[in-house]
Protein backbone atom coordinates (compact mmCIF):
# COMPACT_ATOMS: atom_id res chain seq x y z
CA MET A 1 70.58 238.64 274.49
CA ARG A 2 73.58 236.19 274.51
CA ARG A 3 75.70 238.57 276.90
CA ALA A 4 72.58 238.98 278.96
CA ILE A 5 72.52 235.71 280.17
CA GLY A 6 76.15 235.09 280.10
CA LEU A 7 76.96 233.88 276.79
CA THR A 8 79.80 236.03 275.95
CA ARG A 9 81.75 233.47 273.51
CA ASP A 10 80.64 232.51 270.29
CA PRO A 11 79.50 228.83 269.97
CA PRO A 12 81.63 226.59 268.38
CA ALA A 13 80.85 225.50 264.79
CA PRO A 14 78.72 222.36 264.85
CA CYS A 15 80.28 219.18 263.78
CA THR A 16 78.12 218.00 260.63
CA ASP A 17 80.19 214.77 259.63
CA PRO A 18 78.30 211.65 261.47
CA ALA A 19 81.60 209.84 261.46
CA ARG A 20 83.43 212.47 263.52
CA ALA A 21 80.17 213.78 265.80
CA TYR A 22 80.20 212.73 269.05
CA LEU A 23 76.45 212.87 269.29
CA PRO A 24 74.07 212.01 266.14
CA VAL A 25 74.27 215.09 263.81
CA ASP A 26 70.31 214.16 263.31
CA GLY A 27 69.50 213.21 267.18
CA VAL A 28 66.97 214.68 269.31
CA ALA A 29 69.71 216.51 271.40
CA ARG A 30 70.62 218.89 268.72
CA LEU A 31 66.97 219.53 268.52
CA VAL A 32 66.23 220.14 272.23
CA HIS A 33 69.44 222.00 272.93
CA GLY A 34 69.20 224.21 270.07
CA ASP A 35 65.83 226.04 271.11
CA LEU A 36 66.88 228.76 273.78
CA PRO A 37 63.68 229.64 275.28
CA ALA A 38 63.36 225.85 276.89
CA MET A 39 66.96 225.74 277.60
CA LEU A 40 66.41 228.89 279.82
CA VAL A 41 63.61 227.50 281.78
CA GLY A 42 64.99 223.84 281.79
CA GLY A 43 68.51 225.15 283.02
CA VAL A 44 66.83 227.12 285.82
CA ALA A 45 64.67 224.09 286.64
CA ALA A 46 67.74 221.84 286.74
CA LEU A 47 69.37 224.19 289.33
CA PHE A 48 66.30 224.17 291.71
CA LEU A 49 66.21 220.26 291.35
CA GLU A 50 70.03 219.56 291.58
CA MET A 51 70.53 221.61 294.78
CA LEU A 52 68.16 219.37 296.67
CA HIS A 53 70.76 216.78 297.11
CA PRO A 54 72.71 217.94 300.16
CA HIS A 55 76.27 216.53 299.23
CA SER A 56 76.10 217.88 295.86
CA MET A 57 74.84 221.24 296.94
CA ALA A 58 78.00 221.26 299.67
CA GLY A 59 80.27 221.07 296.62
CA VAL A 60 78.70 224.13 294.98
CA ALA A 61 78.62 225.87 298.17
CA GLN A 62 82.40 225.06 299.56
CA HIS A 63 83.74 225.19 296.07
CA SER A 64 81.93 227.63 293.83
CA ARG A 65 81.71 231.34 293.19
CA TYR A 66 78.06 231.39 292.09
CA ARG A 67 77.24 234.46 293.86
CA ASP A 68 80.21 236.40 292.57
CA ASP A 69 80.26 235.18 288.88
CA THR A 70 76.58 234.03 288.22
CA LEU A 71 76.78 234.84 284.43
CA GLY A 72 80.19 233.23 284.06
CA ARG A 73 78.96 229.86 285.60
CA VAL A 74 75.91 230.12 283.16
CA GLY A 75 78.48 230.43 280.21
CA GLN A 76 80.69 227.45 281.33
CA THR A 77 77.78 225.21 281.55
CA ALA A 78 76.52 226.59 278.03
CA ARG A 79 79.64 225.87 276.49
CA PHE A 80 79.98 222.13 277.85
CA ILE A 81 76.41 221.35 276.98
CA ALA A 82 77.31 222.74 273.30
CA GLU A 83 80.64 220.99 272.93
CA THR A 84 79.03 217.69 273.84
CA THR A 85 75.86 218.17 272.01
CA TYR A 86 77.50 219.59 268.44
CA GLY A 87 80.87 218.69 269.05
CA SER A 88 83.30 216.33 267.34
CA VAL A 89 84.38 213.24 269.28
CA ASP A 90 87.40 214.92 270.33
CA THR A 91 86.02 218.47 270.89
CA ALA A 92 83.46 216.72 273.27
CA GLN A 93 85.96 214.40 274.92
CA ALA A 94 88.11 217.50 275.77
CA ALA A 95 85.25 219.19 277.30
CA ILE A 96 84.44 216.16 279.42
CA ALA A 97 88.11 215.54 280.42
CA ARG A 98 88.26 219.57 281.53
CA VAL A 99 85.15 218.92 283.72
CA ARG A 100 86.49 215.99 285.34
CA SER A 101 89.80 217.42 286.24
CA LEU A 102 88.22 220.37 287.70
CA HIS A 103 85.91 217.81 289.85
CA GLU A 104 89.06 216.40 291.17
CA HIS A 105 89.45 219.27 293.39
CA VAL A 106 86.00 219.52 294.62
CA THR A 107 86.06 217.44 297.69
CA GLY A 108 84.84 218.07 301.07
CA VAL A 109 82.38 217.14 304.06
CA ALA A 110 78.85 218.09 304.10
CA ASP A 111 76.53 219.49 306.90
CA ASP A 112 75.50 215.77 307.67
CA GLY A 113 79.22 214.78 308.34
CA VAL A 114 79.44 212.76 305.14
CA ALA A 115 82.43 213.32 302.77
CA TYR A 116 81.47 214.16 299.13
CA ALA A 117 83.45 214.06 295.57
CA ALA A 118 82.08 215.89 292.45
CA ASN A 119 83.37 212.88 290.86
CA ASP A 120 81.44 210.28 292.98
CA PRO A 121 79.47 208.11 290.40
CA HIS A 122 76.53 208.42 292.44
CA LEU A 123 76.40 212.27 292.72
CA LEU A 124 76.99 212.46 288.95
CA ALA A 125 74.12 209.97 288.25
CA TRP A 126 71.93 212.64 290.43
CA ILE A 127 72.96 215.75 288.60
CA HIS A 128 72.88 213.78 285.13
CA ALA A 129 69.05 212.98 286.03
CA ALA A 130 68.19 216.31 287.17
CA GLY A 131 69.24 217.94 284.32
CA THR A 132 68.05 215.64 281.67
CA TYR A 133 64.65 215.63 283.22
CA ALA A 134 64.56 219.28 283.34
CA PHE A 135 65.57 219.74 279.74
CA LEU A 136 63.28 217.25 278.27
CA THR A 137 60.23 218.39 280.49
CA SER A 138 60.91 222.22 279.65
CA TYR A 139 61.14 221.25 275.75
CA HIS A 140 57.90 219.42 276.01
CA ARG A 141 56.21 222.43 277.75
CA PHE A 142 57.90 225.34 275.81
CA GLY A 143 59.39 224.22 272.51
CA PRO A 144 58.22 224.77 269.38
CA ASP A 145 57.58 221.13 268.77
CA ARG A 146 56.45 218.10 270.92
CA LEU A 147 58.41 214.99 271.12
CA ASP A 148 56.48 211.43 270.89
CA ARG A 149 57.62 208.81 273.43
CA GLY A 150 60.18 207.45 270.94
CA HIS A 151 62.16 210.52 270.44
CA ALA A 152 61.90 211.50 274.19
CA ASP A 153 63.40 207.84 274.87
CA GLN A 154 66.17 208.68 272.42
CA TYR A 155 66.85 211.94 273.71
CA VAL A 156 67.66 210.12 277.24
CA ALA A 157 69.63 207.37 275.57
CA GLU A 158 72.05 210.35 273.89
CA MET A 159 72.34 212.09 276.92
CA ALA A 160 73.40 208.59 278.27
CA GLN A 161 76.64 208.76 276.50
CA VAL A 162 77.33 211.92 277.96
CA ALA A 163 76.67 210.91 281.54
CA ARG A 164 78.88 207.50 281.07
CA ASP A 165 81.91 209.36 279.70
CA LEU A 166 81.56 211.78 282.62
CA GLY A 167 81.83 208.80 284.94
CA ALA A 168 78.21 208.79 285.94
CA GLN A 169 76.56 205.41 287.61
CA SER A 170 73.95 203.61 285.46
CA PRO A 171 72.79 206.57 283.46
CA PRO A 172 68.74 205.92 282.30
CA ARG A 173 68.35 205.09 278.73
CA SER A 174 64.53 205.73 278.50
CA VAL A 175 61.95 208.10 280.12
CA ASP A 176 60.71 205.45 282.11
CA GLU A 177 64.35 204.53 283.54
CA LEU A 178 65.26 208.15 283.92
CA HIS A 179 61.84 209.08 286.50
CA ALA A 180 62.48 205.49 288.25
CA GLN A 181 66.01 207.19 289.05
CA LEU A 182 64.60 210.12 290.21
CA GLN A 183 62.49 208.39 292.36
CA GLY A 184 65.16 206.21 293.85
CA PHE A 185 67.15 209.43 294.90
CA ARG A 186 64.18 210.66 297.11
CA ALA A 187 65.06 209.25 300.26
CA GLU A 188 68.45 211.26 299.69
CA LEU A 189 66.87 214.64 299.24
CA ARG A 190 66.41 217.24 301.63
CA LEU A 191 66.52 221.36 301.59
CA SER A 192 69.92 222.08 303.36
CA ALA A 193 70.83 225.38 304.83
CA ASP A 194 73.14 225.72 301.64
CA ALA A 195 70.26 224.77 299.26
CA ARG A 196 67.84 227.16 301.33
CA ALA A 197 70.65 230.15 300.55
CA ALA A 198 71.19 229.06 296.96
CA ARG A 199 67.26 229.05 296.35
CA ASP A 200 66.69 232.46 297.64
CA PHE A 201 69.53 233.60 295.31
CA LEU A 202 68.17 231.91 292.32
CA LEU A 203 64.71 233.11 293.50
CA ALA A 204 66.04 236.76 293.56
CA GLY A 205 68.17 236.59 290.34
CA VAL A 206 70.92 239.22 289.25
CA SER A 207 68.90 240.99 286.16
CA GLN A 208 68.67 244.46 285.96
CA GLY A 209 65.95 246.52 284.41
CA VAL A 210 62.16 246.10 284.42
CA VAL A 211 61.93 244.24 281.26
CA ALA A 212 65.17 241.75 282.30
CA ALA A 213 63.64 241.30 285.89
CA THR A 214 60.12 240.55 284.67
CA SER A 215 61.46 238.28 282.01
CA TYR A 216 63.63 236.52 284.53
CA ARG A 217 60.50 236.19 287.04
CA LEU A 218 58.50 234.16 284.34
CA ILE A 219 61.39 231.82 283.89
CA VAL A 220 61.68 231.09 287.25
CA ALA A 221 58.07 230.65 287.95
CA SER A 222 57.69 228.24 284.89
CA ALA A 223 60.93 226.63 285.79
CA LEU A 224 59.44 225.67 289.44
CA ASP A 225 56.20 224.49 287.66
CA LEU A 226 58.08 221.81 285.48
CA LEU A 227 59.31 220.40 288.65
CA PRO A 228 57.59 217.51 290.44
CA GLY A 229 55.29 218.09 293.36
CA TRP A 230 57.59 216.45 295.84
CA ALA A 231 60.41 218.82 294.62
CA ARG A 232 58.54 221.77 294.75
CA GLU A 233 57.41 220.73 298.42
CA LEU A 234 61.44 220.00 299.49
CA LEU A 235 61.99 223.60 298.03
CA ASP A 236 59.04 225.26 299.91
CA GLN A 237 57.63 226.53 297.05
CA PRO A 238 54.22 225.24 296.64
CA ALA A 239 51.91 225.59 293.31
CA ARG A 240 50.55 228.63 292.53
CA PRO A 241 47.83 228.01 290.26
CA ARG A 242 46.74 231.75 289.60
CA TRP A 243 50.31 232.83 289.14
CA ARG A 244 50.77 229.45 286.63
CA ALA A 245 47.65 230.62 284.70
CA ALA A 246 49.36 234.04 284.12
CA ALA A 247 52.97 232.87 283.70
CA LEU A 248 52.98 229.99 281.46
CA PRO A 249 51.38 231.69 278.49
CA ALA A 250 53.44 234.81 278.92
CA THR A 251 56.49 232.28 279.21
CA ARG A 252 55.19 230.64 275.80
CA LEU A 253 55.04 234.24 274.38
CA LEU A 254 58.63 235.22 275.32
CA GLY A 255 59.84 232.02 273.82
CA VAL A 256 58.41 233.34 270.39
CA VAL A 257 60.12 236.33 270.75
CA LEU A 258 63.40 234.97 271.73
CA ARG A 259 63.21 232.67 268.64
CA GLN A 260 63.02 235.50 266.18
CA ALA A 261 66.53 236.56 268.25
CA VAL A 262 68.08 233.29 268.51
CA ALA A 263 66.55 230.94 265.58
CA PRO A 264 66.26 227.08 266.79
CA VAL A 265 68.92 224.66 265.79
CA ARG A 266 68.11 222.28 263.64
CA PRO A 267 69.50 218.84 263.75
CA GLY A 268 71.96 218.35 261.10
CA ALA A 269 72.15 222.44 260.53
CA ALA A 270 75.42 223.70 260.17
CA SER A 271 74.44 227.19 261.84
């Protein structure tokens, strides 16, 4: 299962020492990020949302090999999330420094003639807000538990630490602040030509075999359903009530099956 989705390396051993851990060992981030089904749907939703900013999408299109090494990129992203969620301060800071170093070379000019840089605090804020929204919303809908408002705010606050260390501008610390920040970006978002190509690639997927391809279609449909209505409109992916009525229960069932293979990680757990 892990190899099929690009996770070819063993996950890092979690740091269970509160004095050494980067994020709280009993925190909400470890709960949310420890559920594979919710993270799969949330990860796809985050990609759909992130591609709507033409400058961040230009960086991906001009500097990424996402078409040639899709699973490799998934594995790298998963590794970063694991190291910053479950790692020690040293492990997390090394992962963050590695990403910032890679971002130093991701610069260029977008299709609107405006220069972009991956380490731009404003663009980092967009990527962070999109990912935080997607993972939190996916856990609410597909996770084994439902977070109350206090724990949802705590998740956003915990993730703000990662964003600050990456260099993001004013990361939100509550659900209300997160939604306000997403709204603040709306005037900058559109479906560029690069984003249209990435959308189509993501919709098509790279899964092989009937079971894998069907599971992927369920995940994609459920990921699109997580997005705000305005984001689906920009992606030219209107809501499909009949498809949703079938896809969402099927995705929840898929989640139950996946949890039998990969049990959710609980806060403070050593494995």
